[in-house]
Structures are given as C-alpha cells and as structure tokens.
Amino acid sequence: MTSATARTVASVVLVSAGVAAAYVVVTTPPLRRLAVLVARRWLGASVPVFLMDQARRAWVESARPA
C-alpha cells in the first residue's frame, strides 16, 4: 500500500467515524442537548476572547509610527 492510498483510507475512516458520531448525537436528545450546550459555551468563551485580542492588536498597531 502506498503512502497516498494509506492517507486516503485513513481519511475515509475518519470521515465515516465523524458522520456516525454526528448521527448518534443528532438522533439522541440528551446528547443533542449536551452538544448544543457545549457549543454555546465554547462560542460564548472563544468569540469574546478573539475580539478582545483583535482589539488589543489594533490598539498596539495604531500606536506605531508609520
């Protein structure tokens, strides 16, 4: 088996596992609620941190002489 074939097979296996996991989460109400809760918390934490970081970088860049 060549390296390219092995990578293709590995990619197909990973995609299949991801699709199967997504199907189980979507079709199981407690898992679906948990997934929505985790996604909301992750977005609620990461988006403000990203925006604050961008504002800080813009502030630092605006102070530099041209």
N, C-alpha and C. Protein backbone atom coordinates (compact mmCIF):
# COMPACT_ATOMS: atom_id res chain seq x y z
N MET A 1 0.85 -1.17 0.00
CA MET A 1 0.00 0.00 0.00
C MET A 1 0.90 1.24 0.00
N THR A 2 0.61 2.15 -0.90
CA THR A 2 1.41 3.37 -0.98
C THR A 2 0.98 4.37 0.10
N SER A 3 1.80 5.36 0.29
CA SER A 3 1.50 6.38 1.29
C SER A 3 0.22 7.14 0.95
N ALA A 4 0.03 7.45 -0.32
CA ALA A 4 -1.17 8.17 -0.75
C ALA A 4 -2.42 7.35 -0.50
N THR A 5 -2.35 6.06 -0.78
CA THR A 5 -3.50 5.18 -0.56
C THR A 5 -3.80 5.07 0.93
N ALA A 6 -2.77 4.95 1.73
CA ALA A 6 -2.97 4.86 3.19
C ALA A 6 -3.62 6.13 3.72
N ARG A 7 -3.20 7.28 3.24
CA ARG A 7 -3.80 8.53 3.68
C ARG A 7 -5.26 8.62 3.26
N THR A 8 -5.56 8.18 2.06
CA THR A 8 -6.93 8.21 1.57
C THR A 8 -7.81 7.30 2.41
N VAL A 9 -7.33 6.10 2.70
CA VAL A 9 -8.09 5.16 3.52
C VAL A 9 -8.30 5.74 4.92
N ALA A 10 -7.26 6.31 5.50
CA ALA A 10 -7.38 6.91 6.83
C ALA A 10 -8.39 8.05 6.82
N SER A 11 -8.37 8.87 5.79
CA SER A 11 -9.32 9.98 5.69
C SER A 11 -10.75 9.48 5.59
N VAL A 12 -10.96 8.44 4.80
CA VAL A 12 -12.30 7.87 4.65
C VAL A 12 -12.79 7.30 5.98
N VAL A 13 -11.91 6.63 6.70
CA VAL A 13 -12.29 6.05 8.00
C VAL A 13 -12.64 7.17 8.99
N LEU A 14 -11.85 8.22 9.04
CA LEU A 14 -12.11 9.33 9.95
C LEU A 14 -13.42 10.04 9.61
N VAL A 15 -13.66 10.28 8.34
CA VAL A 15 -14.90 10.93 7.93
C VAL A 15 -16.09 10.05 8.27
N SER A 16 -15.97 8.76 8.05
CA SER A 16 -17.07 7.83 8.38
C SER A 16 -17.36 7.83 9.88
N ALA A 17 -16.31 7.83 10.68
CA ALA A 17 -16.49 7.87 12.13
C ALA A 17 -17.13 9.18 12.56
N GLY A 18 -16.73 10.28 11.97
CA GLY A 18 -17.32 11.58 12.29
C GLY A 18 -18.79 11.65 11.92
N VAL A 19 -19.14 11.12 10.75
CA VAL A 19 -20.54 11.11 10.32
C VAL A 19 -21.36 10.23 11.25
N ALA A 20 -20.84 9.08 11.62
CA ALA A 20 -21.56 8.19 12.53
C ALA A 20 -21.76 8.84 13.90
N ALA A 21 -20.74 9.50 14.41
CA ALA A 21 -20.86 10.18 15.70
C ALA A 21 -21.87 11.33 15.62
N ALA A 22 -21.84 12.08 14.55
CA ALA A 22 -22.80 13.17 14.37
C ALA A 22 -24.22 12.64 14.30
N TYR A 23 -24.42 11.52 13.61
CA TYR A 23 -25.75 10.92 13.51
C TYR A 23 -26.25 10.51 14.89
N VAL A 24 -25.38 9.90 15.68
CA VAL A 24 -25.79 9.46 17.03
C VAL A 24 -26.14 10.67 17.88
N VAL A 25 -25.35 11.71 17.80
CA VAL A 25 -25.61 12.91 18.61
C VAL A 25 -26.91 13.58 18.18
N VAL A 26 -27.14 13.68 16.88
CA VAL A 26 -28.34 14.35 16.38
C VAL A 26 -29.60 13.55 16.70
N THR A 27 -29.51 12.24 16.69
CA THR A 27 -30.71 11.43 16.91
C THR A 27 -30.96 11.06 18.37
N THR A 28 -30.06 11.42 19.27
CA THR A 28 -30.24 11.13 20.69
C THR A 28 -30.46 12.45 21.43
N PRO A 29 -31.69 12.71 21.91
CA PRO A 29 -32.00 14.01 22.50
C PRO A 29 -31.07 14.45 23.64
N PRO A 30 -30.70 13.59 24.61
CA PRO A 30 -29.79 14.09 25.66
C PRO A 30 -28.41 14.49 25.11
N LEU A 31 -27.92 13.74 24.14
CA LEU A 31 -26.63 14.09 23.53
C LEU A 31 -26.74 15.36 22.70
N ARG A 32 -27.87 15.53 22.05
CA ARG A 32 -28.09 16.73 21.25
C ARG A 32 -28.11 17.96 22.16
N ARG A 33 -28.82 17.87 23.31
CA ARG A 33 -28.85 18.99 24.25
C ARG A 33 -27.45 19.29 24.78
N LEU A 34 -26.70 18.24 25.10
CA LEU A 34 -25.34 18.43 25.59
C LEU A 34 -24.46 19.09 24.52
N ALA A 35 -24.60 18.66 23.29
CA ALA A 35 -23.80 19.24 22.20
C ALA A 35 -24.14 20.71 22.00
N VAL A 36 -25.41 21.06 22.08
CA VAL A 36 -25.81 22.46 21.93
C VAL A 36 -25.27 23.29 23.09
N LEU A 37 -25.35 22.75 24.30
CA LEU A 37 -24.83 23.46 25.48
C LEU A 37 -23.33 23.69 25.36
N VAL A 38 -22.60 22.66 24.97
CA VAL A 38 -21.15 22.79 24.83
C VAL A 38 -20.81 23.80 23.73
N ALA A 39 -21.52 23.75 22.62
CA ALA A 39 -21.25 24.68 21.52
C ALA A 39 -21.52 26.12 21.95
N ARG A 40 -22.61 26.33 22.69
CA ARG A 40 -22.92 27.69 23.15
C ARG A 40 -21.87 28.20 24.12
N ARG A 41 -21.43 27.34 25.01
CA ARG A 41 -20.40 27.77 25.98
C ARG A 41 -19.07 28.03 25.28
N TRP A 42 -18.72 27.18 24.31
CA TRP A 42 -17.46 27.36 23.59
C TRP A 42 -17.50 28.68 22.81
N LEU A 43 -18.59 28.91 22.10
CA LEU A 43 -18.71 30.15 21.34
C LEU A 43 -18.78 31.35 22.28
N GLY A 44 -19.45 31.18 23.41
CA GLY A 44 -19.56 32.27 24.37
C GLY A 44 -18.23 32.63 25.00
N ALA A 45 -17.30 31.71 25.02
CA ALA A 45 -15.99 31.98 25.61
C ALA A 45 -14.97 32.38 24.55
N SER A 46 -14.98 31.71 23.41
CA SER A 46 -13.91 31.94 22.43
C SER A 46 -14.12 33.20 21.59
N VAL A 47 -15.35 33.52 21.25
CA VAL A 47 -15.58 34.69 20.40
C VAL A 47 -15.20 35.99 21.12
N PRO A 48 -15.65 36.21 22.37
CA PRO A 48 -15.21 37.44 23.05
C PRO A 48 -13.70 37.52 23.25
N VAL A 49 -13.06 36.41 23.54
CA VAL A 49 -11.60 36.41 23.70
C VAL A 49 -10.93 36.79 22.39
N PHE A 50 -11.41 36.24 21.29
CA PHE A 50 -10.86 36.58 19.98
C PHE A 50 -11.04 38.07 19.68
N LEU A 51 -12.22 38.60 19.95
CA LEU A 51 -12.48 40.01 19.68
C LEU A 51 -11.61 40.91 20.55
N MET A 52 -11.43 40.55 21.82
CA MET A 52 -10.57 41.35 22.69
C MET A 52 -9.12 41.31 22.22
N ASP A 53 -8.67 40.15 21.77
CA ASP A 53 -7.31 40.03 21.25
C ASP A 53 -7.13 40.89 20.01
N GLN A 54 -8.11 40.88 19.12
CA GLN A 54 -8.02 41.70 17.91
C GLN A 54 -8.02 43.18 18.25
N ALA A 55 -8.83 43.58 19.23
CA ALA A 55 -8.86 44.98 19.65
C ALA A 55 -7.52 45.39 20.25
N ARG A 56 -6.92 44.50 21.05
CA ARG A 56 -5.62 44.80 21.64
C ARG A 56 -4.56 44.96 20.55
N ARG A 57 -4.57 44.05 19.58
CA ARG A 57 -3.59 44.14 18.48
C ARG A 57 -3.78 45.42 17.68
N ALA A 58 -5.03 45.79 17.42
CA ALA A 58 -5.30 47.02 16.68
C ALA A 58 -4.83 48.23 17.46
N TRP A 59 -5.03 48.21 18.78
CA TRP A 59 -4.57 49.31 19.63
C TRP A 59 -3.04 49.44 19.56
N VAL A 60 -2.34 48.31 19.66
CA VAL A 60 -0.88 48.33 19.62
C VAL A 60 -0.40 48.81 18.25
N GLU A 61 -1.00 48.30 17.19
CA GLU A 61 -0.60 48.69 15.84
C GLU A 61 -0.87 50.16 15.56
N SER A 62 -1.94 50.72 16.15
CA SER A 62 -2.26 52.11 15.88
C SER A 62 -1.27 53.06 16.54
N ALA A 63 -0.56 52.61 17.55
CA ALA A 63 0.39 53.45 18.27
C ALA A 63 1.75 53.50 17.59
N ARG A 64 2.01 52.60 16.65
CA ARG A 64 3.30 52.56 15.97
C ARG A 64 3.40 53.68 14.94
N PRO A 65 4.56 54.34 14.88
CA PRO A 65 4.73 55.37 13.84
C PRO A 65 4.83 54.75 12.45
N ALA A 66 4.34 55.45 11.48
CA ALA A 66 4.31 54.92 10.11
C ALA A 66 5.64 54.92 9.43
